[in-house]
């Protein structure tokens, strides 16, 4: 197989692969990391939990892109402007690369990864806000947000605070990074939406 074939496979099945990978990572973290360094364990734990979040968004029940296009962007298309390429790029860069990379760097210094539970928490909260904006009780990703991302992210931050790893629950550089990383997404969404409208007008 060519490299392009592997790329096309990953682009097509990344979310399903993430489900399997998340289960492997959970076992690995609980067996090999939890007892050695609990703080690193909590930071790294955010990655497989977020992969489960992605599973709900894009595998079962899936349909987050349809929800976003129709209920948030309010367009008639299921696949535009939020499309497969944008979804793949964002999730791979954020969840598959950035979270584990900075989580591993926290082995050297906790400060590298403390923003991650904040990111997970705010990403979960964003699904609540999306539901409010769309006036829908459910949107893909909401359940994992409510039962895993928000409570585990919040508890991790509290644990870091209670163990004096951070001096404040909210007013700190790590919280700003976690929040900022989430705020970048609607900005990018607004850009692709404007491009989509412009292309329709030109077409």
N, C-alpha and C. Protein backbone atom coordinates (compact mmCIF):
# COMPACT_ATOMS: atom_id res chain seq x y z
N UNK A 1 0.83 -1.21 0.00
CA UNK A 1 0.00 0.00 0.00
C UNK A 1 0.87 1.26 0.00
N UNK A 2 0.40 2.28 -0.68
CA UNK A 2 1.10 3.55 -0.72
C UNK A 2 0.77 4.36 0.54
N UNK A 3 1.61 5.34 0.80
CA UNK A 3 1.36 6.23 1.94
C UNK A 3 0.02 6.93 1.79
N UNK A 4 -0.30 7.28 0.54
CA UNK A 4 -1.58 7.94 0.29
C UNK A 4 -2.76 7.04 0.65
N UNK A 5 -2.58 5.73 0.49
CA UNK A 5 -3.65 4.79 0.85
C UNK A 5 -3.87 4.78 2.36
N UNK A 6 -2.77 4.80 3.12
CA UNK A 6 -2.88 4.86 4.57
C UNK A 6 -3.53 6.17 5.01
N UNK A 7 -3.16 7.25 4.35
CA UNK A 7 -3.73 8.55 4.67
C UNK A 7 -5.24 8.56 4.41
N UNK A 8 -5.64 8.02 3.26
CA UNK A 8 -7.06 7.99 2.92
C UNK A 8 -7.83 7.11 3.89
N UNK A 9 -7.21 6.01 4.33
CA UNK A 9 -7.86 5.14 5.32
C UNK A 9 -8.03 5.88 6.64
N UNK A 10 -6.97 6.55 7.09
CA UNK A 10 -7.04 7.28 8.35
C UNK A 10 -8.08 8.40 8.27
N UNK A 11 -8.13 9.09 7.14
CA UNK A 11 -9.07 10.18 6.97
C UNK A 11 -10.51 9.67 7.01
N UNK A 12 -10.72 8.46 6.52
CA UNK A 12 -12.06 7.88 6.48
C UNK A 12 -12.47 7.28 7.82
N UNK A 13 -11.50 6.62 8.51
CA UNK A 13 -11.85 5.83 9.69
C UNK A 13 -11.18 6.31 10.98
N UNK A 14 -10.71 7.54 11.01
CA UNK A 14 -9.97 8.01 12.18
C UNK A 14 -10.80 7.93 13.46
N UNK A 15 -12.08 8.26 13.40
CA UNK A 15 -12.90 8.27 14.61
C UNK A 15 -13.11 6.86 15.15
N UNK A 16 -13.31 5.89 14.24
CA UNK A 16 -13.46 4.50 14.66
C UNK A 16 -12.15 3.98 15.24
N UNK A 17 -11.05 4.34 14.60
CA UNK A 17 -9.74 3.96 15.12
C UNK A 17 -9.51 4.57 16.50
N UNK A 18 -9.98 5.80 16.68
CA UNK A 18 -9.82 6.48 17.96
C UNK A 18 -10.52 5.76 19.09
N UNK A 19 -11.65 5.12 18.80
CA UNK A 19 -12.36 4.35 19.83
C UNK A 19 -11.49 3.21 20.34
N UNK A 20 -10.90 2.46 19.41
CA UNK A 20 -10.02 1.34 19.79
C UNK A 20 -8.80 1.86 20.53
N UNK A 21 -8.21 2.93 20.01
CA UNK A 21 -7.01 3.51 20.61
C UNK A 21 -7.30 4.04 22.01
N UNK A 22 -8.47 4.63 22.20
CA UNK A 22 -8.82 5.18 23.52
C UNK A 22 -8.92 4.07 24.56
N UNK A 23 -9.48 2.93 24.19
CA UNK A 23 -9.59 1.81 25.12
C UNK A 23 -8.21 1.27 25.50
N UNK A 24 -7.33 1.19 24.51
CA UNK A 24 -5.95 0.75 24.78
C UNK A 24 -5.25 1.73 25.71
N UNK A 25 -5.41 3.02 25.44
CA UNK A 25 -4.76 4.04 26.26
C UNK A 25 -5.28 4.04 27.70
N UNK A 26 -6.58 3.83 27.85
CA UNK A 26 -7.15 3.79 29.20
C UNK A 26 -6.55 2.65 30.02
N UNK A 27 -6.44 1.47 29.40
CA UNK A 27 -5.85 0.33 30.10
C UNK A 27 -4.39 0.63 30.44
N UNK A 28 -3.66 1.17 29.48
CA UNK A 28 -2.24 1.47 29.69
C UNK A 28 -2.06 2.48 30.82
N UNK A 29 -2.86 3.53 30.82
CA UNK A 29 -2.73 4.58 31.84
C UNK A 29 -3.06 4.05 33.23
N UNK A 30 -4.13 3.27 33.35
CA UNK A 30 -4.51 2.75 34.66
C UNK A 30 -3.52 1.71 35.18
N UNK A 31 -2.93 0.93 34.27
CA UNK A 31 -2.01 -0.13 34.70
C UNK A 31 -0.60 0.40 34.96
N UNK A 32 -0.10 1.28 34.08
CA UNK A 32 1.32 1.64 34.13
C UNK A 32 1.62 3.06 34.63
N UNK A 33 0.65 3.98 34.57
CA UNK A 33 0.95 5.37 34.88
C UNK A 33 0.33 5.82 36.20
N UNK A 34 -0.87 5.34 36.50
CA UNK A 34 -1.63 5.85 37.65
C UNK A 34 -0.86 5.81 38.96
N UNK A 35 -0.20 4.70 39.24
CA UNK A 35 0.51 4.56 40.51
C UNK A 35 1.85 5.29 40.53
N UNK A 36 2.44 5.50 39.35
CA UNK A 36 3.76 6.13 39.30
C UNK A 36 3.69 7.64 39.43
N UNK A 37 2.74 8.26 38.74
CA UNK A 37 2.61 9.71 38.82
C UNK A 37 1.15 10.05 38.54
N UNK A 38 0.39 10.30 39.59
CA UNK A 38 -1.06 10.48 39.45
C UNK A 38 -1.39 11.76 38.69
N UNK A 39 -0.58 12.78 38.83
CA UNK A 39 -0.84 14.03 38.12
C UNK A 39 -0.66 13.85 36.61
N UNK A 40 0.41 13.20 36.22
CA UNK A 40 0.62 12.91 34.80
C UNK A 40 -0.51 12.00 34.29
N UNK A 41 -0.92 11.06 35.11
CA UNK A 41 -2.03 10.18 34.76
C UNK A 41 -3.28 11.00 34.45
N UNK A 42 -3.61 11.97 35.31
CA UNK A 42 -4.81 12.78 35.10
C UNK A 42 -4.71 13.64 33.84
N UNK A 43 -3.51 14.14 33.57
CA UNK A 43 -3.31 14.96 32.37
C UNK A 43 -3.44 14.10 31.12
N UNK A 44 -2.78 12.95 31.11
CA UNK A 44 -2.85 12.07 29.94
C UNK A 44 -4.23 11.46 29.76
N UNK A 45 -4.96 11.29 30.85
CA UNK A 45 -6.29 10.69 30.80
C UNK A 45 -7.25 11.49 29.92
N UNK A 46 -7.03 12.79 29.81
CA UNK A 46 -7.94 13.62 29.02
C UNK A 46 -7.98 13.21 27.55
N UNK A 47 -6.88 12.66 27.03
CA UNK A 47 -6.84 12.29 25.61
C UNK A 47 -7.76 11.13 25.27
N UNK A 48 -7.67 9.96 25.92
CA UNK A 48 -8.62 8.89 25.58
C UNK A 48 -10.06 9.26 25.89
N UNK A 49 -10.29 10.05 26.93
CA UNK A 49 -11.66 10.47 27.22
C UNK A 49 -12.20 11.36 26.11
N UNK A 50 -11.33 12.19 25.54
CA UNK A 50 -11.79 13.04 24.44
C UNK A 50 -11.99 12.22 23.17
N UNK A 51 -11.22 11.16 23.00
CA UNK A 51 -11.44 10.27 21.85
C UNK A 51 -12.80 9.60 21.95
N UNK A 52 -13.24 9.28 23.17
CA UNK A 52 -14.59 8.77 23.36
C UNK A 52 -15.62 9.84 23.00
N UNK A 53 -15.31 11.08 23.30
CA UNK A 53 -16.14 12.23 22.91
C UNK A 53 -16.27 12.26 21.38
N UNK A 54 -15.16 12.08 20.68
CA UNK A 54 -15.17 12.07 19.22
C UNK A 54 -15.99 10.90 18.68
N UNK A 55 -15.94 9.77 19.40
CA UNK A 55 -16.72 8.61 18.98
C UNK A 55 -18.21 8.94 18.97
N UNK A 56 -18.66 9.62 20.02
CA UNK A 56 -20.07 10.02 20.06
C UNK A 56 -20.38 11.03 18.95
N UNK A 57 -19.45 11.91 18.66
CA UNK A 57 -19.68 12.93 17.64
C UNK A 57 -19.75 12.35 16.23
N UNK A 58 -18.89 11.37 15.93
CA UNK A 58 -18.72 10.96 14.53
C UNK A 58 -18.95 9.48 14.24
N UNK A 59 -19.16 8.65 15.27
CA UNK A 59 -19.38 7.22 15.03
C UNK A 59 -20.77 6.80 15.53
N UNK A 60 -20.98 6.88 16.83
CA UNK A 60 -22.26 6.47 17.40
C UNK A 60 -22.72 7.47 18.46
N UNK A 61 -23.82 8.17 18.26
CA UNK A 61 -24.67 8.10 17.06
C UNK A 61 -24.11 8.87 15.88
N UNK A 62 -23.08 9.70 16.11
CA UNK A 62 -22.48 10.47 15.02
C UNK A 62 -23.38 11.61 14.56
N UNK A 63 -22.96 12.23 13.45
CA UNK A 63 -23.76 13.28 12.85
C UNK A 63 -23.50 14.68 13.37
N UNK A 64 -22.35 14.88 14.04
CA UNK A 64 -22.08 16.22 14.56
C UNK A 64 -21.98 17.25 13.45
N UNK A 65 -21.36 16.87 12.32
CA UNK A 65 -21.23 17.82 11.21
C UNK A 65 -22.59 18.21 10.65
N UNK A 66 -23.53 17.25 10.59
CA UNK A 66 -24.88 17.55 10.10
C UNK A 66 -25.58 18.51 11.07
N UNK A 67 -25.47 18.19 12.36
CA UNK A 67 -26.06 19.07 13.38
C UNK A 67 -25.50 20.48 13.25
N UNK A 68 -24.18 20.60 13.13
CA UNK A 68 -23.56 21.92 13.11
C UNK A 68 -23.96 22.69 11.85
N UNK A 69 -23.93 22.03 10.70
CA UNK A 69 -24.28 22.72 9.46
C UNK A 69 -25.73 23.18 9.44
N UNK A 70 -26.61 22.32 9.90
CA UNK A 70 -28.04 22.62 9.80
C UNK A 70 -28.55 23.48 10.95
N UNK A 71 -28.08 23.23 12.17
CA UNK A 71 -28.64 23.92 13.33
C UNK A 71 -27.83 25.14 13.78
N UNK A 72 -26.53 25.15 13.51
CA UNK A 72 -25.69 26.28 13.91
C UNK A 72 -25.45 27.21 12.72
N UNK A 73 -24.96 26.66 11.61
CA UNK A 73 -24.76 27.48 10.41
C UNK A 73 -26.08 27.76 9.69
N UNK A 74 -27.08 26.90 9.93
CA UNK A 74 -28.41 27.05 9.33
C UNK A 74 -28.36 27.03 7.80
N UNK A 75 -27.63 26.05 7.26
CA UNK A 75 -27.61 25.83 5.82
C UNK A 75 -28.28 24.49 5.54
N UNK A 76 -28.62 24.23 4.30
CA UNK A 76 -29.35 23.02 3.94
C UNK A 76 -28.45 21.83 3.67
N UNK A 77 -27.14 22.06 3.59
CA UNK A 77 -26.20 20.99 3.28
C UNK A 77 -25.80 20.22 4.54
N UNK A 78 -25.64 18.90 4.39
CA UNK A 78 -25.14 18.07 5.49
C UNK A 78 -23.62 18.08 5.57
N UNK A 79 -22.96 18.40 4.47
CA UNK A 79 -21.51 18.25 4.38
C UNK A 79 -20.75 19.55 4.20
N UNK A 80 -21.43 20.67 4.15
CA UNK A 80 -20.77 21.97 4.00
C UNK A 80 -21.54 22.99 4.82
N UNK A 81 -20.84 24.02 5.35
CA UNK A 81 -19.40 24.32 5.24
C UNK A 81 -18.50 23.49 6.16
N UNK A 82 -19.06 22.94 7.24
CA UNK A 82 -18.24 22.06 8.09
C UNK A 82 -18.12 20.72 7.36
N UNK A 83 -16.94 20.46 6.81
CA UNK A 83 -16.78 19.29 5.95
C UNK A 83 -15.77 18.30 6.51
N UNK A 84 -15.61 17.20 5.80
CA UNK A 84 -14.74 16.11 6.24
C UNK A 84 -13.30 16.56 6.43
N UNK A 85 -12.79 17.41 5.52
CA UNK A 85 -11.40 17.86 5.61
C UNK A 85 -11.16 18.69 6.86
N UNK A 86 -12.08 19.63 7.14
CA UNK A 86 -11.93 20.49 8.32
C UNK A 86 -12.02 19.66 9.59
N UNK A 87 -12.98 18.76 9.67
CA UNK A 87 -13.17 17.91 10.85
C UNK A 87 -11.93 17.06 11.10
N UNK A 88 -11.41 16.45 10.05
CA UNK A 88 -10.23 15.59 10.17
C UNK A 88 -9.03 16.40 10.65
N UNK A 89 -8.79 17.54 10.02
CA UNK A 89 -7.62 18.35 10.36
C UNK A 89 -7.68 18.81 11.81
N UNK A 90 -8.81 19.35 12.24
CA UNK A 90 -8.94 19.89 13.60
C UNK A 90 -8.77 18.80 14.64
N UNK A 91 -9.44 17.68 14.46
CA UNK A 91 -9.38 16.62 15.46
C UNK A 91 -8.01 15.96 15.54
N UNK A 92 -7.36 15.77 14.41
CA UNK A 92 -6.02 15.18 14.42
C UNK A 92 -5.02 16.13 15.08
N UNK A 93 -5.07 17.41 14.70
CA UNK A 93 -4.12 18.38 15.23
C UNK A 93 -4.34 18.61 16.73
N UNK A 94 -5.58 18.72 17.14
CA UNK A 94 -5.88 19.02 18.54
C UNK A 94 -5.76 17.78 19.43
N UNK A 95 -6.51 16.74 19.08
CA UNK A 95 -6.69 15.61 19.99
C UNK A 95 -5.64 14.52 19.79
N UNK A 96 -5.27 14.25 18.56
CA UNK A 96 -4.34 13.15 18.29
C UNK A 96 -2.87 13.58 18.39
N UNK A 97 -2.61 14.86 18.25
CA UNK A 97 -1.22 15.33 18.28
C UNK A 97 -0.95 16.21 19.50
N UNK A 98 -1.68 17.32 19.62
CA UNK A 98 -1.38 18.30 20.68
C UNK A 98 -1.60 17.74 22.08
N UNK A 99 -2.74 17.11 22.34
CA UNK A 99 -3.02 16.62 23.69
C UNK A 99 -2.01 15.57 24.15
N UNK A 100 -1.76 14.50 23.37
CA UNK A 100 -0.77 13.53 23.84
C UNK A 100 0.65 14.08 23.89
N UNK A 101 1.00 14.98 22.94
CA UNK A 101 2.34 15.55 22.94
C UNK A 101 2.60 16.34 24.21
N UNK A 102 1.70 17.26 24.55
CA UNK A 102 1.91 18.06 25.76
C UNK A 102 1.67 17.24 27.02
N UNK A 103 0.85 16.19 26.90
CA UNK A 103 0.70 15.28 28.03
C UNK A 103 2.00 14.56 28.34
N UNK A 104 2.69 14.12 27.30
CA UNK A 104 3.98 13.44 27.48
C UNK A 104 5.03 14.42 28.00
N UNK A 105 4.99 15.66 27.51
CA UNK A 105 5.92 16.68 28.00
C UNK A 105 5.72 16.96 29.49
N UNK A 106 4.51 16.71 29.99
CA UNK A 106 4.26 16.93 31.42
C UNK A 106 5.04 15.94 32.29
N UNK A 107 5.56 14.87 31.69
CA UNK A 107 6.46 13.98 32.42
C UNK A 107 7.71 14.74 32.85
N UNK A 108 8.11 15.69 32.01
CA UNK A 108 9.28 16.50 32.31
C UNK A 108 8.92 17.64 33.26
N UNK A 109 7.79 18.31 32.96
CA UNK A 109 7.33 19.41 33.80
C UNK A 109 5.82 19.52 33.69
N UNK A 110 5.13 19.51 34.80
CA UNK A 110 3.67 19.52 34.80
C UNK A 110 3.09 20.69 34.01
N UNK A 111 3.77 21.82 34.05
CA UNK A 111 3.25 23.03 33.41
C UNK A 111 2.92 22.84 31.93
N UNK A 112 3.61 21.93 31.27
CA UNK A 112 3.37 21.70 29.85
C UNK A 112 1.96 21.17 29.58
N UNK A 113 1.40 20.43 30.53
CA UNK A 113 0.13 19.77 30.27
C UNK A 113 -1.05 20.23 31.09
N UNK A 114 -0.85 21.19 31.99
CA UNK A 114 -1.94 21.59 32.88
C UNK A 114 -3.10 22.24 32.13
N UNK A 115 -2.84 22.81 30.96
CA UNK A 115 -3.91 23.43 30.17
C UNK A 115 -4.89 22.38 29.63
N UNK A 116 -4.49 21.12 29.55
CA UNK A 116 -5.29 20.10 28.88
C UNK A 116 -6.62 19.83 29.60
N UNK A 117 -6.65 19.63 30.93
CA UNK A 117 -7.96 19.45 31.56
C UNK A 117 -8.87 20.66 31.43
N UNK A 118 -8.30 21.86 31.38
CA UNK A 118 -9.10 23.05 31.12
C UNK A 118 -9.72 22.97 29.72
N UNK A 119 -8.90 22.57 28.76
CA UNK A 119 -9.39 22.43 27.39
C UNK A 119 -10.54 21.45 27.33
N UNK A 120 -10.37 20.31 27.97
CA UNK A 120 -11.41 19.28 27.97
C UNK A 120 -12.69 19.78 28.61
N UNK A 121 -12.56 20.49 29.72
CA UNK A 121 -13.72 21.05 30.42
C UNK A 121 -14.46 22.04 29.53
N UNK A 122 -13.75 23.00 28.96
CA UNK A 122 -14.40 24.01 28.13
C UNK A 122 -14.99 23.42 26.86
N UNK A 123 -14.32 22.40 26.30
CA UNK A 123 -14.87 21.74 25.11
C UNK A 123 -16.19 21.07 25.44
N UNK A 124 -16.29 20.50 26.64
CA UNK A 124 -17.54 19.90 27.07
C UNK A 124 -18.62 20.94 27.25
N UNK A 125 -18.27 22.04 27.88
CA UNK A 125 -19.24 23.13 28.11
C UNK A 125 -19.74 23.68 26.77
N UNK A 126 -18.88 23.69 25.76
CA UNK A 126 -19.28 24.22 24.46
C UNK A 126 -20.46 23.44 23.88
N UNK A 127 -20.55 22.15 24.19
CA UNK A 127 -21.67 21.36 23.68
C UNK A 127 -22.98 21.77 24.36
N UNK A 128 -22.90 22.18 25.60
CA UNK A 128 -24.09 22.71 26.28
C UNK A 128 -24.52 24.01 25.60
N UNK A 129 -23.55 24.87 25.31
CA UNK A 129 -23.86 26.15 24.66
C UNK A 129 -24.40 25.94 23.25
N UNK A 130 -23.86 24.95 22.54
CA UNK A 130 -24.37 24.64 21.20
C UNK A 130 -25.82 24.19 21.25
N UNK A 131 -26.13 23.36 22.26
CA UNK A 131 -27.50 22.90 22.42
C UNK A 131 -28.45 24.05 22.70
N UNK A 132 -28.01 25.00 23.52
CA UNK A 132 -28.83 26.17 23.83
C UNK A 132 -29.05 27.01 22.58
N UNK A 133 -27.97 27.23 21.82
CA UNK A 133 -28.08 28.04 20.60
C UNK A 133 -28.99 27.38 19.57
N UNK A 134 -28.88 26.06 19.45
CA UNK A 134 -29.68 25.33 18.46
C UNK A 134 -31.08 25.01 18.97
N UNK A 135 -31.32 25.26 20.27
CA UNK A 135 -32.60 24.92 20.90
C UNK A 135 -32.91 23.43 20.76
N UNK A 136 -31.86 22.64 20.96
CA UNK A 136 -31.98 21.18 20.89
C UNK A 136 -31.51 20.59 22.21
N UNK A 137 -32.25 19.60 22.70
CA UNK A 137 -31.86 18.94 23.95
C UNK A 137 -30.56 18.17 23.78
N UNK A 138 -30.38 17.56 22.60
CA UNK A 138 -29.19 16.72 22.39
C UNK A 138 -28.43 17.15 21.15
N UNK A 139 -27.10 17.09 21.23
CA UNK A 139 -26.24 17.19 20.06
C UNK A 139 -25.10 16.19 20.24
N UNK A 140 -24.59 15.61 19.15
CA UNK A 140 -23.56 14.58 19.24
C UNK A 140 -22.30 15.06 19.98
N UNK A 141 -21.97 14.38 21.07
CA UNK A 141 -20.84 14.76 21.91
C UNK A 141 -21.29 15.23 23.28
N UNK A 142 -22.57 15.52 23.43
CA UNK A 142 -23.08 16.09 24.67
C UNK A 142 -23.01 15.12 25.84
N UNK A 143 -23.37 13.86 25.62
CA UNK A 143 -23.44 12.91 26.73
C UNK A 143 -22.06 12.64 27.31
N UNK A 144 -21.07 12.40 26.45
CA UNK A 144 -19.70 12.18 26.95
C UNK A 144 -19.18 13.44 27.62
N UNK A 145 -19.58 14.60 27.10
CA UNK A 145 -19.20 15.87 27.74
C UNK A 145 -19.73 15.93 29.17
N UNK A 146 -20.98 15.54 29.35
CA UNK A 146 -21.63 15.65 30.66
C UNK A 146 -21.13 14.62 31.66
N UNK A 147 -20.86 13.40 31.18
CA UNK A 147 -20.49 12.35 32.14
C UNK A 147 -18.98 12.14 32.27
N UNK A 148 -18.20 12.67 31.31
CA UNK A 148 -16.74 12.46 31.38
C UNK A 148 -15.95 13.76 31.28
N UNK A 149 -16.06 14.45 30.16
CA UNK A 149 -15.16 15.59 29.91
C UNK A 149 -15.30 16.71 30.93
N UNK A 150 -16.51 17.12 31.22
CA UNK A 150 -16.71 18.22 32.17
C UNK A 150 -16.35 17.80 33.59
N UNK A 151 -16.92 16.70 34.12
CA UNK A 151 -16.59 16.35 35.51
C UNK A 151 -15.13 15.94 35.73
N UNK A 152 -14.56 15.17 34.81
CA UNK A 152 -13.16 14.74 34.97
C UNK A 152 -12.23 15.93 34.79
N UNK A 153 -12.52 16.79 33.81
CA UNK A 153 -11.70 17.98 33.62
C UNK A 153 -11.74 18.89 34.84
N UNK A 154 -12.96 19.12 35.36
CA UNK A 154 -13.12 20.00 36.52
C UNK A 154 -12.46 19.40 37.76
N UNK A 155 -12.63 18.09 37.96
CA UNK A 155 -12.03 17.46 39.13
C UNK A 155 -10.51 17.47 39.05
N UNK A 156 -9.97 17.29 37.85
CA UNK A 156 -8.52 17.34 37.66
C UNK A 156 -7.98 18.71 38.03
N UNK A 157 -8.65 19.76 37.58
CA UNK A 157 -8.24 21.12 37.92
C UNK A 157 -8.30 21.32 39.44
N UNK A 158 -9.36 20.84 40.06
CA UNK A 158 -9.48 20.98 41.51
C UNK A 158 -8.37 20.21 42.22
N UNK A 159 -8.05 19.04 41.72
CA UNK A 159 -6.98 18.23 42.33
C UNK A 159 -5.65 18.96 42.22
N UNK A 160 -5.38 19.55 41.07
CA UNK A 160 -4.14 20.31 40.88
C UNK A 160 -4.08 21.49 41.84
N UNK A 161 -5.22 22.14 42.02
CA UNK A 161 -5.29 23.29 42.94
C UNK A 161 -5.11 22.85 44.39
N UNK A 162 -5.78 21.78 44.79
CA UNK A 162 -5.71 21.33 46.18
C UNK A 162 -4.33 20.80 46.54
N UNK A 163 -3.57 20.37 45.52
CA UNK A 163 -2.21 19.90 45.75
C UNK A 163 -1.16 20.96 45.44
N UNK A 164 -1.64 22.20 45.30
CA UNK A 164 -0.77 23.37 45.13
C UNK A 164 0.09 23.31 43.86
N UNK A 165 -0.41 22.62 42.84
CA UNK A 165 0.27 22.63 41.55
C UNK A 165 -0.05 23.93 40.82
N UNK A 166 -1.27 24.42 41.02
CA UNK A 166 -1.67 25.72 40.51
C UNK A 166 -2.17 26.56 41.69
N UNK A 167 -2.06 27.88 41.57
CA UNK A 167 -2.40 28.77 42.68
C UNK A 167 -3.84 29.26 42.65
N UNK A 168 -4.49 29.12 41.51
CA UNK A 168 -5.87 29.57 41.36
C UNK A 168 -6.61 28.60 40.45
N UNK A 169 -7.89 28.41 40.70
CA UNK A 169 -8.68 27.51 39.86
C UNK A 169 -8.90 28.09 38.47
N UNK A 170 -9.09 29.39 38.38
CA UNK A 170 -9.46 30.01 37.12
C UNK A 170 -8.43 31.03 36.63
N UNK A 171 -7.96 31.88 37.51
CA UNK A 171 -7.07 32.96 37.08
C UNK A 171 -5.64 32.44 36.99
N UNK A 172 -5.33 31.82 35.87
CA UNK A 172 -3.97 31.34 35.63
C UNK A 172 -3.74 31.17 34.14
N UNK A 173 -2.50 31.06 33.76
CA UNK A 173 -2.09 30.96 32.36
C UNK A 173 -2.65 29.69 31.70
N UNK A 174 -2.71 28.60 32.44
CA UNK A 174 -3.17 27.31 31.90
C UNK A 174 -4.64 27.37 31.51
N UNK A 175 -5.45 28.02 32.34
CA UNK A 175 -6.87 28.19 32.03
C UNK A 175 -7.04 29.03 30.77
N UNK A 176 -6.22 30.07 30.64
CA UNK A 176 -6.30 30.94 29.47
C UNK A 176 -5.98 30.15 28.20
N UNK A 177 -4.99 29.26 28.27
CA UNK A 177 -4.63 28.46 27.09
C UNK A 177 -5.76 27.50 26.74
N UNK A 178 -6.29 26.81 27.76
CA UNK A 178 -7.37 25.86 27.51
C UNK A 178 -8.60 26.53 26.93
N UNK A 179 -8.95 27.70 27.46
CA UNK A 179 -10.08 28.45 26.93
C UNK A 179 -9.78 28.98 25.54
N UNK A 180 -8.58 29.52 25.37
CA UNK A 180 -8.20 30.08 24.07
C UNK A 180 -8.20 29.04 22.96
N UNK A 181 -7.73 27.83 23.28
CA UNK A 181 -7.72 26.76 22.29
C UNK A 181 -9.13 26.42 21.83
N UNK A 182 -10.09 26.55 22.73
CA UNK A 182 -11.49 26.33 22.36
C UNK A 182 -12.06 27.50 21.57
N UNK A 183 -11.68 28.72 21.93
CA UNK A 183 -12.22 29.90 21.25
C UNK A 183 -11.71 30.01 19.82
N UNK A 184 -10.56 29.40 19.53
CA UNK A 184 -10.05 29.41 18.16
C UNK A 184 -11.02 28.70 17.22
N UNK A 185 -11.70 27.67 17.72
CA UNK A 185 -12.57 26.85 16.87
C UNK A 185 -13.75 27.63 16.29
N UNK A 186 -14.52 28.38 17.10
CA UNK A 186 -15.59 29.16 16.48
C UNK A 186 -15.08 30.24 15.52
N UNK A 187 -13.88 30.75 15.79
CA UNK A 187 -13.30 31.73 14.86
C UNK A 187 -13.02 31.07 13.51
N UNK A 188 -12.44 29.86 13.56
CA UNK A 188 -12.20 29.12 12.32
C UNK A 188 -13.51 28.74 11.65
N UNK A 189 -14.50 28.40 12.48
CA UNK A 189 -15.82 28.07 11.92
C UNK A 189 -16.42 29.25 11.20
N UNK A 190 -16.28 30.45 11.78
CA UNK A 190 -16.81 31.66 11.13
C UNK A 190 -16.11 31.91 9.80
N UNK A 191 -14.82 31.61 9.74
CA UNK A 191 -14.06 31.81 8.49
C UNK A 191 -14.56 30.88 7.40
N UNK A 192 -14.72 29.58 7.72
CA UNK A 192 -15.16 28.64 6.69
C UNK A 192 -16.62 28.92 6.29
N UNK A 193 -17.42 29.44 7.24
CA UNK A 193 -18.80 29.78 6.91
C UNK A 193 -18.84 30.95 5.92
N UNK A 194 -18.02 31.98 6.17
CA UNK A 194 -17.98 33.14 5.27
C UNK A 194 -17.48 32.74 3.88
N UNK A 195 -16.50 31.84 3.84
CA UNK A 195 -16.00 31.36 2.55
C UNK A 195 -17.09 30.60 1.81
N UNK A 196 -17.83 29.80 2.55
CA UNK A 196 -18.91 29.02 1.94
C UNK A 196 -19.98 29.95 1.35
N UNK A 197 -20.38 30.96 2.10
CA UNK A 197 -21.38 31.91 1.60
C UNK A 197 -20.85 32.67 0.40
N UNK A 198 -19.58 33.08 0.47
CA UNK A 198 -18.99 33.83 -0.64
C UNK A 198 -18.94 32.98 -1.90
N UNK A 199 -18.55 31.70 -1.76
CA UNK A 199 -18.48 30.81 -2.92
C UNK A 199 -19.86 30.56 -3.52
N UNK A 200 -20.87 30.48 -2.67
CA UNK A 200 -22.25 30.30 -3.18
C UNK A 200 -22.71 31.52 -3.95
N UNK A 201 -22.34 32.70 -3.46
CA UNK A 201 -22.74 33.93 -4.14
C UNK A 201 -22.04 34.06 -5.49
N UNK A 202 -20.75 33.66 -5.51
CA UNK A 202 -19.99 33.72 -6.76
C UNK A 202 -20.47 32.67 -7.75
N UNK A 203 -20.93 31.51 -7.18
CA UNK A 203 -21.40 30.43 -8.04
C UNK A 203 -22.76 30.71 -8.63
